[in-house]
Amino acid sequence: MRHARRRIVQRGARLAAVGGLLCGGFMVTRAMASEPSGASGTAASSARVAADTGAGLVSRLGTSRTAGNWIAADGRPVVAVTDADAADAVKRAGARPKVVTHSMQDLKSATQTLGSAPRVPGTAWAVDYTKNEVVVQADSTVSATDWSRMTKLADGIGDSVRMQRTQGTFTTRVNGAQAIFSTSGRCSAGFNVTNGQSEFILTAGHCGPAGSVWFSDNTGKQQVGRTVTTAFPGSDFSLIQYDTGQQTSAGNNVVSIGGGNGVRITGAADPAVGQRVFRSGSTSGLRDGKVTALNATVNYPEGTVTGLVETTVCAEPGDSGGPLFSEGIALGVTSGGNGDCKIGGTTFFQPVTKALTALGVTLAGQPAQGAGGAAQPSLAPSASAMASQGGAPGSAAPGAVEAVGETGAAVSFVSELTDPNNVGPGLLVIGGSVIAFVATRFIRTEQDRNAYRRQYSQSWG
């Protein structure tokens, strides 16, 4: 039974099965989900503790004596420092120092120089804390002339900049040729958010301008809502306001990971370099990787976006706007990148904390954030989830996993939908919406909710 469940999850992740965050995602987050199984503690995750330790040391020592912090492979915080005294202070705090040549001030000065030069679409840059350098990437669309000009600019800055050609193209992840979700193209829903009066979907800004109409089906019959606020380029986030009667349940914020399962989101925070993260989307399902850089700049053909999170997580057209998360904590929404989930690539994410603050909203079902978008408290993953990490890509569990099906018949329907021999992605999307609709209509009383929890409460694996 354990292996059967794992096969269902893996198949659902590959196919973006029922409840995939595109088209059906907003509906799945409205479906009743069981409470996390096992006793979840209130202590922050080890990744969060390591990130906070490193960030605190950088703040205390200053940007002239440090050059960033990250989480090492063994989970310990590492801080780049420029002198021996700073290294001693890091050691005393229980972190690992790495003595480097360039301070964060030097590296930021380099990125400012790059940003002030004429814009070249198809380029991106970010500070690699682990190598103490600014890495400038240029995709296949950048001409030899532009590459030569940027190389000369980098040479003038000094050895803190490294130039790197990359395969593919840096594009936003919308596929307008397969418009099965909105009038502007196909995207994935991110997180449910609220301003205290209305409910919204937080997704990518490039998915569509203000006024874009969104549907839960590829025929344009089931309208979900309309984009009311968007920020792109510059940033990459937008709000879709639910139509009347389509609001979410106030206590739920669940993201689908395929196979009839979802992860409950318990807060929002900024990711750390080196952190293992997960992304879910309508095209490629659940994928994982690591954060490689923060505050990245990408020159998309449509314009420049700054302040992005750079990762090794793959993504494909249609995954735009989907959620980035780890251990139940919302981290970002998918912006764009290069490559795909066959050959791999780089994917960039809009930090969720910046979007929440700019839009004046909070995650649905969560307390309001303080000034400055302070991170909400994290819930530790359940012991059973941590004990069965093998079911997730890369053998890393994304926290507590919960069933998002409705009844035994519905779960059987999920199994049928996830069979690639039976249906295509369009029917998967429609099926996800149907199941969520049934769940919302029939799980009404507390007795029904309790029965649902007892029958379908489960953890990863």
Protein backbone atom coordinates (compact mmCIF):
# COMPACT_ATOMS: atom_id res chain seq x y z
CA MET A 1 0.00 0.00 0.00
CA ARG A 2 2.83 2.36 0.84
CA HIS A 3 4.45 1.86 -2.56
CA ALA A 4 1.10 2.23 -4.32
CA ARG A 5 0.50 5.59 -2.67
CA ARG A 6 4.00 6.69 -3.63
CA ARG A 7 3.43 5.74 -7.27
CA ILE A 8 0.20 7.73 -7.31
CA VAL A 9 1.97 10.80 -5.90
CA GLN A 10 4.83 10.56 -8.38
CA ARG A 11 2.49 10.04 -11.32
CA GLY A 12 0.30 12.92 -10.19
CA ALA A 13 3.35 15.19 -9.85
CA ARG A 14 4.48 14.42 -13.38
CA LEU A 15 1.08 15.07 -14.91
CA ALA A 16 -0.05 17.95 -12.67
CA ALA A 17 -2.95 15.77 -11.66
CA VAL A 18 -6.25 16.73 -10.07
CA GLY A 19 -5.82 19.88 -8.08
CA GLY A 20 -2.75 21.01 -10.05
CA LEU A 21 -2.31 24.67 -9.33
CA LEU A 22 -3.11 25.77 -12.84
CA CYS A 23 -6.83 26.04 -13.46
CA GLY A 24 -7.80 23.73 -10.62
CA GLY A 25 -5.41 25.06 -7.97
CA PHE A 26 -7.63 27.83 -6.72
CA MET A 27 -10.39 25.26 -6.33
CA VAL A 28 -8.27 22.71 -4.52
CA THR A 29 -7.22 25.24 -1.95
CA ARG A 30 -10.93 25.75 -1.27
CA ALA A 31 -11.51 22.02 -0.74
CA MET A 32 -11.47 20.78 2.81
CA ALA A 33 -8.08 19.41 3.78
CA SER A 34 -7.32 17.34 6.85
CA GLU A 35 -5.26 18.66 9.70
CA PRO A 36 -1.55 17.71 9.55
CA SER A 37 -1.23 14.21 10.93
CA GLY A 38 0.99 13.77 13.94
CA ALA A 39 1.76 16.39 16.52
CA SER A 40 3.24 19.40 14.80
CA GLY A 41 5.44 21.56 17.00
CA THR A 42 5.85 25.30 16.88
CA ALA A 43 9.62 25.35 16.61
CA ALA A 44 11.08 26.81 13.44
CA SER A 45 12.65 24.43 10.92
CA SER A 46 16.39 23.78 10.97
CA ALA A 47 16.73 25.63 7.65
CA ARG A 48 15.00 28.69 9.10
CA VAL A 49 17.19 28.63 12.22
CA ALA A 50 20.37 28.38 10.12
CA ALA A 51 19.24 31.18 7.82
CA ASP A 52 18.34 33.45 10.73
CA THR A 53 21.70 32.80 12.42
CA GLY A 54 23.60 33.71 9.29
CA ALA A 55 21.48 36.77 8.54
CA GLY A 56 21.87 38.01 12.11
CA LEU A 57 25.66 37.81 11.87
CA VAL A 58 25.69 39.67 8.54
CA SER A 59 23.50 42.38 10.04
CA ARG A 60 25.72 42.71 13.11
CA LEU A 61 29.08 42.70 11.28
CA GLY A 62 27.98 44.91 8.38
CA THR A 63 28.25 44.69 4.59
CA SER A 64 31.83 46.00 4.52
CA ARG A 65 33.05 42.95 6.48
CA THR A 66 30.71 40.28 5.15
CA ALA A 67 29.56 39.04 1.74
CA GLY A 68 26.40 37.06 2.35
CA ASN A 69 25.37 33.90 4.15
CA TRP A 70 24.04 30.49 3.10
CA ILE A 71 23.16 27.03 4.34
CA ALA A 72 25.86 24.40 3.78
CA ALA A 73 25.14 20.85 2.62
CA ASP A 74 25.34 19.66 6.23
CA GLY A 75 22.74 22.23 7.31
CA ARG A 76 25.13 24.59 9.12
CA PRO A 77 25.04 28.34 8.50
CA VAL A 78 28.03 29.78 6.63
CA VAL A 79 28.97 33.47 6.57
CA ALA A 80 31.43 35.00 4.09
CA VAL A 81 33.76 37.45 5.89
CA THR A 82 36.63 39.68 4.81
CA ASP A 83 38.85 39.68 7.93
CA ALA A 84 40.06 37.42 10.74
CA ASP A 85 38.21 39.24 13.52
CA ALA A 86 34.91 38.81 11.70
CA ALA A 87 35.72 35.12 11.21
CA ASP A 88 36.26 34.72 14.96
CA ALA A 89 32.92 36.39 15.69
CA VAL A 90 31.17 33.97 13.32
CA LYS A 91 32.82 30.97 15.00
CA ARG A 92 31.79 32.15 18.45
CA ALA A 93 28.19 32.37 17.25
CA GLY A 94 28.26 28.73 16.19
CA ALA A 95 28.39 29.38 12.43
CA ARG A 96 31.12 28.58 9.90
CA PRO A 97 33.16 31.48 8.45
CA LYS A 98 34.59 31.63 4.95
CA VAL A 99 37.20 34.32 4.34
CA VAL A 100 36.71 36.01 0.95
CA THR A 101 38.20 38.85 -1.08
CA HIS A 102 35.17 40.94 -1.99
CA SER A 103 32.74 42.44 0.51
CA MET A 104 29.02 42.72 -0.12
CA GLN A 105 29.54 46.40 -0.76
CA ASP A 106 31.94 45.48 -3.59
CA LEU A 107 29.52 42.95 -5.06
CA LYS A 108 26.54 45.32 -4.89
CA SER A 109 28.60 48.01 -6.58
CA ALA A 110 29.29 45.57 -9.40
CA THR A 111 25.58 44.80 -9.86
CA GLN A 112 24.76 48.51 -9.86
CA THR A 113 27.27 49.09 -12.65
CA LEU A 114 25.76 46.26 -14.66
CA GLY A 115 22.27 47.63 -14.09
CA SER A 116 23.22 51.13 -15.23
CA ALA A 117 24.46 49.89 -18.61
CA PRO A 118 22.13 49.64 -21.65
CA ARG A 119 19.73 46.74 -21.17
CA VAL A 120 20.44 43.52 -23.08
CA PRO A 121 17.44 41.13 -23.26
CA GLY A 122 18.44 37.54 -22.59
CA THR A 123 20.86 38.36 -19.77
CA ALA A 124 20.65 37.86 -16.03
CA TRP A 125 22.92 38.36 -13.06
CA ALA A 126 23.03 37.55 -9.38
CA VAL A 127 25.54 37.41 -6.53
CA ASP A 128 26.88 33.92 -5.89
CA TYR A 129 27.66 34.09 -2.17
CA THR A 130 29.41 30.72 -2.18
CA LYS A 131 31.93 31.79 -4.86
CA ASN A 132 32.14 35.47 -3.84
CA GLU A 133 31.36 36.78 -7.30
CA VAL A 134 28.64 38.23 -9.49
CA VAL A 135 27.69 35.75 -12.20
CA VAL A 136 26.40 37.26 -15.44
CA GLN A 137 24.53 34.82 -17.69
CA ALA A 138 23.68 35.36 -21.34
CA ASP A 139 21.29 33.07 -23.23
CA SER A 140 21.35 32.00 -26.87
CA THR A 141 19.54 35.14 -28.06
CA VAL A 142 22.36 37.49 -27.02
CA SER A 143 24.40 38.52 -30.07
CA ALA A 144 28.17 38.32 -30.28
CA THR A 145 28.31 42.12 -30.33
CA ASP A 146 26.29 42.49 -27.12
CA TRP A 147 28.26 39.69 -25.46
CA SER A 148 31.53 41.42 -26.32
CA ARG A 149 30.26 44.75 -25.00
CA MET A 150 29.12 43.20 -21.72
CA THR A 151 32.39 41.32 -21.35
CA LYS A 152 34.32 44.57 -21.68
CA LEU A 153 32.07 46.12 -19.03
CA ALA A 154 32.73 43.17 -16.71
CA ASP A 155 36.47 43.40 -17.29
CA GLY A 156 36.32 47.03 -16.25
CA ILE A 157 34.59 46.11 -12.99
CA GLY A 158 37.24 43.55 -12.06
CA ASP A 159 37.53 39.93 -10.97
CA SER A 160 34.36 40.09 -8.88
CA VAL A 161 32.34 39.46 -12.07
CA ARG A 162 32.26 36.21 -14.04
CA MET A 163 30.67 35.97 -17.50
CA GLN A 164 28.84 32.78 -18.44
CA ARG A 165 26.98 31.66 -21.57
CA THR A 166 23.93 29.48 -20.93
CA GLN A 167 21.73 27.26 -23.07
CA GLY A 168 18.14 28.03 -23.96
CA THR A 169 16.48 31.40 -23.47
CA PHE A 170 15.37 33.38 -20.43
CA THR A 171 11.62 33.62 -20.87
CA THR A 172 8.60 34.14 -18.69
CA ARG A 173 6.78 30.84 -18.29
CA VAL A 174 3.50 31.53 -20.09
CA ASN A 175 2.43 29.48 -23.11
CA GLY A 176 -0.09 31.59 -25.00
CA ALA A 177 -0.58 28.84 -27.58
CA GLN A 178 -2.26 26.68 -24.94
CA ALA A 179 -4.63 29.21 -23.39
CA ILE A 180 -6.59 26.94 -21.09
CA PHE A 181 -6.75 29.13 -18.02
CA SER A 182 -7.00 32.80 -18.85
CA THR A 183 -7.61 35.15 -21.71
CA SER A 184 -3.91 36.11 -21.52
CA GLY A 185 -2.48 32.59 -21.60
CA ARG A 186 -1.91 29.58 -19.38
CA CYS A 187 -0.56 30.06 -15.89
CA SER A 188 -0.62 28.40 -12.46
CA ALA A 189 -2.29 29.79 -9.35
CA GLY A 190 0.07 30.56 -6.49
CA PHE A 191 -1.38 31.20 -3.02
CA ASN A 192 -4.74 32.34 -1.70
CA VAL A 193 -4.46 35.75 -0.04
CA THR A 194 -6.82 38.26 1.53
CA ASN A 195 -6.98 41.94 2.42
CA GLY A 196 -9.48 41.24 5.20
CA GLN A 197 -12.48 41.96 3.01
CA SER A 198 -11.96 40.07 -0.25
CA GLU A 199 -10.17 36.91 -1.35
CA PHE A 200 -7.59 36.76 -4.14
CA ILE A 201 -5.17 34.47 -5.95
CA LEU A 202 -1.55 35.63 -5.84
CA THR A 203 0.22 34.70 -9.08
CA ALA A 204 2.82 36.05 -11.53
CA GLY A 205 2.41 39.56 -12.92
CA HIS A 206 3.43 38.62 -16.45
CA CYS A 207 0.47 36.22 -16.69
CA GLY A 208 -1.79 39.06 -17.69
CA PRO A 209 -2.50 42.78 -17.29
CA ALA A 210 -5.15 44.25 -15.04
CA GLY A 211 -8.58 43.31 -16.33
CA SER A 212 -7.56 39.84 -17.52
CA VAL A 213 -10.37 37.32 -17.03
CA TRP A 214 -9.53 33.90 -15.61
CA PHE A 215 -11.34 30.58 -16.05
CA SER A 216 -11.16 27.14 -14.44
CA ASP A 217 -11.70 25.36 -17.76
CA ASN A 218 -10.30 25.55 -21.26
CA THR A 219 -13.68 26.40 -22.79
CA GLY A 220 -14.07 29.73 -21.02
CA LYS A 221 -17.32 28.77 -19.32
CA GLN A 222 -16.29 28.65 -15.64
CA GLN A 223 -15.08 32.13 -14.75
CA VAL A 224 -12.98 32.37 -11.59
CA GLY A 225 -12.12 36.02 -11.32
CA ARG A 226 -10.36 39.00 -12.80
CA THR A 227 -6.88 40.51 -12.39
CA VAL A 228 -7.21 43.68 -10.34
CA THR A 229 -3.56 44.55 -9.67
CA THR A 230 -0.39 43.66 -11.51
CA ALA A 231 3.30 44.55 -11.29
CA PHE A 232 5.44 43.61 -14.30
CA PRO A 233 8.16 44.33 -15.31
CA GLY A 234 10.19 45.61 -12.37
CA SER A 235 8.54 43.00 -10.16
CA ASP A 236 6.47 39.98 -11.16
CA PHE A 237 3.26 39.53 -9.15
CA SER A 238 -0.46 40.12 -9.53
CA LEU A 239 -3.79 39.64 -7.76
CA ILE A 240 -6.80 37.85 -9.21
CA GLN A 241 -9.95 38.73 -7.28
CA TYR A 242 -12.40 35.86 -6.96
CA ASP A 243 -15.84 36.37 -8.44
CA THR A 244 -18.73 36.60 -5.96
CA GLY A 245 -19.28 33.21 -4.37
CA GLN A 246 -15.80 31.96 -5.29
CA GLN A 247 -14.01 33.05 -2.12
CA THR A 248 -11.80 30.59 -0.31
CA SER A 249 -12.39 29.02 3.08
CA ALA A 250 -10.74 31.32 5.60
CA GLY A 251 -8.93 28.52 7.41
CA ASN A 252 -7.39 26.85 4.38
CA ASN A 253 -4.30 27.59 2.33
CA VAL A 254 -3.29 24.34 0.68
CA VAL A 255 -1.16 23.91 -2.45
CA SER A 256 -1.59 20.81 -4.56
CA ILE A 257 1.34 18.49 -5.24
CA GLY A 258 -0.54 15.97 -7.37
CA GLY A 259 -1.87 12.52 -6.61
CA GLY A 260 -4.78 13.96 -4.64
CA ASN A 261 -2.37 15.38 -2.03
CA GLY A 262 -1.64 18.91 -0.89
CA VAL A 263 0.67 20.77 1.48
CA ARG A 264 -0.85 23.14 4.04
CA ILE A 265 0.84 26.55 4.00
CA THR A 266 1.37 27.88 7.52
CA GLY A 267 3.27 31.12 6.92
CA ALA A 268 5.50 33.17 4.62
CA ALA A 269 9.22 33.91 4.74
CA ASP A 270 12.23 34.73 2.60
CA PRO A 271 14.33 31.75 1.39
CA ALA A 272 18.03 31.30 2.13
CA VAL A 273 20.83 30.42 -0.27
CA GLY A 274 21.43 26.67 -0.09
CA GLN A 275 17.90 25.89 1.14
CA ARG A 276 16.03 22.92 -0.36
CA VAL A 277 12.78 24.15 -1.88
CA PHE A 278 9.77 22.80 -3.79
CA ARG A 279 7.72 24.19 -6.65
CA SER A 280 4.36 22.96 -7.92
CA GLY A 281 2.88 23.87 -11.28
CA SER A 282 0.27 22.84 -13.81
CA THR A 283 2.70 21.68 -16.50
CA SER A 284 5.49 19.82 -14.73
CA GLY A 285 3.91 19.11 -11.33
CA LEU A 286 5.99 18.92 -8.15
CA ARG A 287 9.73 19.60 -8.54
CA ASP A 288 12.51 20.39 -6.11
CA GLY A 289 15.94 22.00 -6.04
CA LYS A 290 18.03 24.51 -4.12
CA VAL A 291 18.21 28.27 -3.82
CA THR A 292 21.41 29.49 -5.49
CA ALA A 293 21.09 33.27 -5.22
CA LEU A 294 18.90 36.12 -3.98
CA ASN A 295 18.17 39.56 -5.47
CA ALA A 296 18.75 38.30 -9.01
CA THR A 297 18.12 40.53 -12.04
CA VAL A 298 16.66 39.07 -15.24
CA ASN A 299 16.32 40.93 -18.52
CA TYR A 300 13.30 39.24 -20.07
CA PRO A 301 12.25 40.24 -23.59
CA GLU A 302 9.27 42.03 -22.00
CA GLY A 303 11.42 44.00 -19.55
CA THR A 304 13.75 43.79 -16.55
CA VAL A 305 12.71 42.21 -13.25
CA THR A 306 14.84 42.63 -10.12
CA GLY A 307 14.94 41.15 -6.63
CA LEU A 308 14.22 37.58 -7.75
CA VAL A 309 15.17 34.27 -6.11
CA GLU A 310 17.42 32.11 -8.31
CA THR A 311 17.07 28.32 -8.01
CA THR A 312 17.97 25.01 -9.63
CA VAL A 313 14.29 23.96 -9.69
CA CYS A 314 13.13 23.25 -13.23
CA ALA A 315 9.98 24.76 -14.74
CA GLU A 316 8.18 24.85 -18.07
CA PRO A 317 5.64 27.06 -19.89
CA GLY A 318 2.37 27.06 -17.96
CA ASP A 319 4.10 26.76 -14.57
CA SER A 320 4.19 30.56 -14.23
CA GLY A 321 2.74 31.87 -10.99
CA GLY A 322 2.90 28.50 -9.24
CA PRO A 323 4.05 28.40 -5.61
CA LEU A 324 7.56 27.98 -4.23
CA PHE A 325 7.52 26.59 -0.70
CA SER A 326 9.43 24.55 1.89
CA GLU A 327 8.16 22.81 5.03
CA GLY A 328 4.80 24.51 4.73
CA ILE A 329 6.24 28.01 4.33
CA ALA A 330 5.37 30.13 1.27
CA LEU A 331 8.52 31.50 -0.37
CA GLY A 332 7.65 32.77 -3.84
CA VAL A 333 5.76 32.49 -7.13
CA THR A 334 7.27 31.25 -10.39
CA SER A 335 8.54 34.01 -12.68
CA GLY A 336 10.65 32.50 -15.48
CA GLY A 337 13.95 30.98 -16.48
CA ASN A 338 15.60 28.77 -19.06
CA GLY A 339 15.70 25.05 -19.80
CA ASP A 340 12.99 22.55 -18.92
CA CYS A 341 12.39 19.53 -16.68
CA LYS A 342 14.14 17.13 -19.10
CA ILE A 343 17.50 18.87 -19.34
CA GLY A 344 17.20 21.05 -16.22
CA GLY A 345 17.75 24.78 -16.03
CA THR A 346 17.53 27.88 -13.87
CA THR A 347 14.20 29.18 -12.57
CA PHE A 348 13.56 32.55 -10.94
CA PHE A 349 10.85 33.34 -8.40
CA GLN A 350 9.19 36.50 -7.15
CA PRO A 351 9.69 36.56 -3.33
CA VAL A 352 6.28 36.19 -1.72
CA THR A 353 7.02 38.48 1.25
CA LYS A 354 7.76 41.41 -1.05
CA ALA A 355 4.55 40.78 -2.99
CA LEU A 356 2.42 40.52 0.15
CA THR A 357 3.83 43.77 1.51
CA ALA A 358 3.45 45.67 -1.75
CA LEU A 359 -0.13 44.49 -2.24
CA GLY A 360 -1.22 44.93 1.38
CA VAL A 361 -2.48 41.36 1.69
CA THR A 362 -1.75 38.31 3.84
CA LEU A 363 -1.99 34.59 3.23
CA ALA A 364 -5.58 33.38 3.60
CA GLY A 365 -6.15 31.84 7.01
CA GLN A 366 -3.05 33.49 8.53
CA PRO A 367 -2.70 36.39 10.95
CA ALA A 368 -1.84 39.78 9.50
CA GLN A 369 1.87 40.47 9.08
CA GLY A 370 3.63 43.20 10.92
CA ALA A 371 5.25 46.20 9.34
CA GLY A 372 7.83 45.40 6.75
CA GLY A 373 6.36 42.03 5.90
CA ALA A 374 7.85 40.13 8.81
CA ALA A 375 7.90 36.39 8.35
CA GLN A 376 5.01 34.51 9.85
CA PRO A 377 5.79 31.69 12.29
CA SER A 378 6.70 28.32 10.84
CA LEU A 379 5.21 25.00 11.87
CA ALA A 380 7.64 22.11 12.01
CA PRO A 381 6.87 19.17 9.70
CA SER A 382 5.31 16.14 11.31
CA ALA A 383 7.56 13.31 12.44
CA SER A 384 5.92 10.88 10.04
CA ALA A 385 6.48 13.24 7.15
CA MET A 386 10.16 13.55 7.98
CA ALA A 387 10.48 9.80 8.40
CA SER A 388 9.22 9.05 4.91
CA GLN A 389 11.16 11.47 2.75
CA GLY A 390 11.72 8.97 -0.01
CA GLY A 391 8.47 9.81 -1.77
CA ALA A 392 9.50 13.32 -2.76
CA PRO A 393 11.75 14.23 -5.68
CA GLY A 394 15.36 14.24 -4.55
CA SER A 395 14.39 12.41 -1.36
CA ALA A 396 13.34 15.57 0.46
CA ALA A 397 9.96 15.91 2.13
CA PRO A 398 8.10 19.21 1.70
CA GLY A 399 6.60 19.11 5.17
CA ALA A 400 3.24 17.69 6.18
CA VAL A 401 1.24 16.30 3.27
CA GLU A 402 -2.54 16.02 3.39
CA ALA A 403 -5.25 14.44 1.28
CA VAL A 404 -7.28 16.85 -0.80
CA GLY A 405 -9.75 14.35 -2.28
CA GLU A 406 -13.39 14.21 -1.08
CA THR A 407 -14.83 10.72 -0.77
CA GLY A 408 -13.79 7.19 -1.60
CA ALA A 409 -15.44 7.55 -4.99
CA ALA A 410 -13.62 10.79 -5.59
CA VAL A 411 -10.26 9.23 -4.74
CA SER A 412 -10.99 6.45 -7.22
CA PHE A 413 -11.76 9.14 -9.76
CA VAL A 414 -8.39 10.70 -8.96
CA SER A 415 -6.68 7.40 -9.73
CA GLU A 416 -8.44 7.25 -13.09
CA LEU A 417 -7.54 10.83 -13.93
CA THR A 418 -3.87 10.28 -13.16
CA ASP A 419 -3.64 7.41 -15.64
CA PRO A 420 -1.92 8.91 -18.73
CA ASN A 421 -3.57 6.27 -20.92
CA ASN A 422 -7.02 7.61 -20.11
CA VAL A 423 -6.96 11.40 -20.19
CA GLY A 424 -5.05 14.49 -21.24
CA PRO A 425 -4.04 17.58 -19.24
CA GLY A 426 -7.23 19.46 -20.14
CA LEU A 427 -9.45 16.78 -18.60
CA LEU A 428 -7.20 16.67 -15.54
CA VAL A 429 -7.87 20.34 -14.99
CA ILE A 430 -11.62 19.96 -15.41
CA GLY A 431 -11.64 16.91 -13.15
CA GLY A 432 -9.78 18.84 -10.45
CA SER A 433 -12.38 21.58 -10.53
CA VAL A 434 -15.23 19.05 -10.38
CA ILE A 435 -13.78 17.29 -7.33
CA ALA A 436 -13.15 20.58 -5.56
CA PHE A 437 -16.70 21.70 -6.33
CA VAL A 438 -18.11 18.48 -4.89
CA ALA A 439 -15.90 18.82 -1.81
CA THR A 440 -16.98 22.39 -1.20
CA ARG A 441 -20.67 21.58 -1.61
CA PHE A 442 -20.91 18.44 0.48
CA ILE A 443 -18.37 18.82 3.30
CA ARG A 444 -20.59 21.17 5.21
CA THR A 445 -21.09 19.99 8.75
CA GLU A 446 -18.55 19.41 11.47
CA GLN A 447 -19.50 15.74 11.51
CA ASP A 448 -18.61 15.44 7.84
CA ARG A 449 -15.35 17.24 8.42
CA ASN A 450 -14.37 14.94 11.26
CA ALA A 451 -15.21 11.86 9.20
CA TYR A 452 -13.13 13.24 6.37
CA ARG A 453 -10.16 13.83 8.64
CA ARG A 454 -10.34 10.33 10.08
CA GLN A 455 -10.54 8.64 6.70
CA TYR A 456 -8.09 10.63 4.65
CA SER A 457 -5.58 12.15 7.07
CA GLN A 458 -2.15 11.02 5.88
CA SER A 459 1.50 11.98 5.64
CA TRP A 460 4.06 11.76 2.88
CA GLY A 461 4.66 8.21 1.58
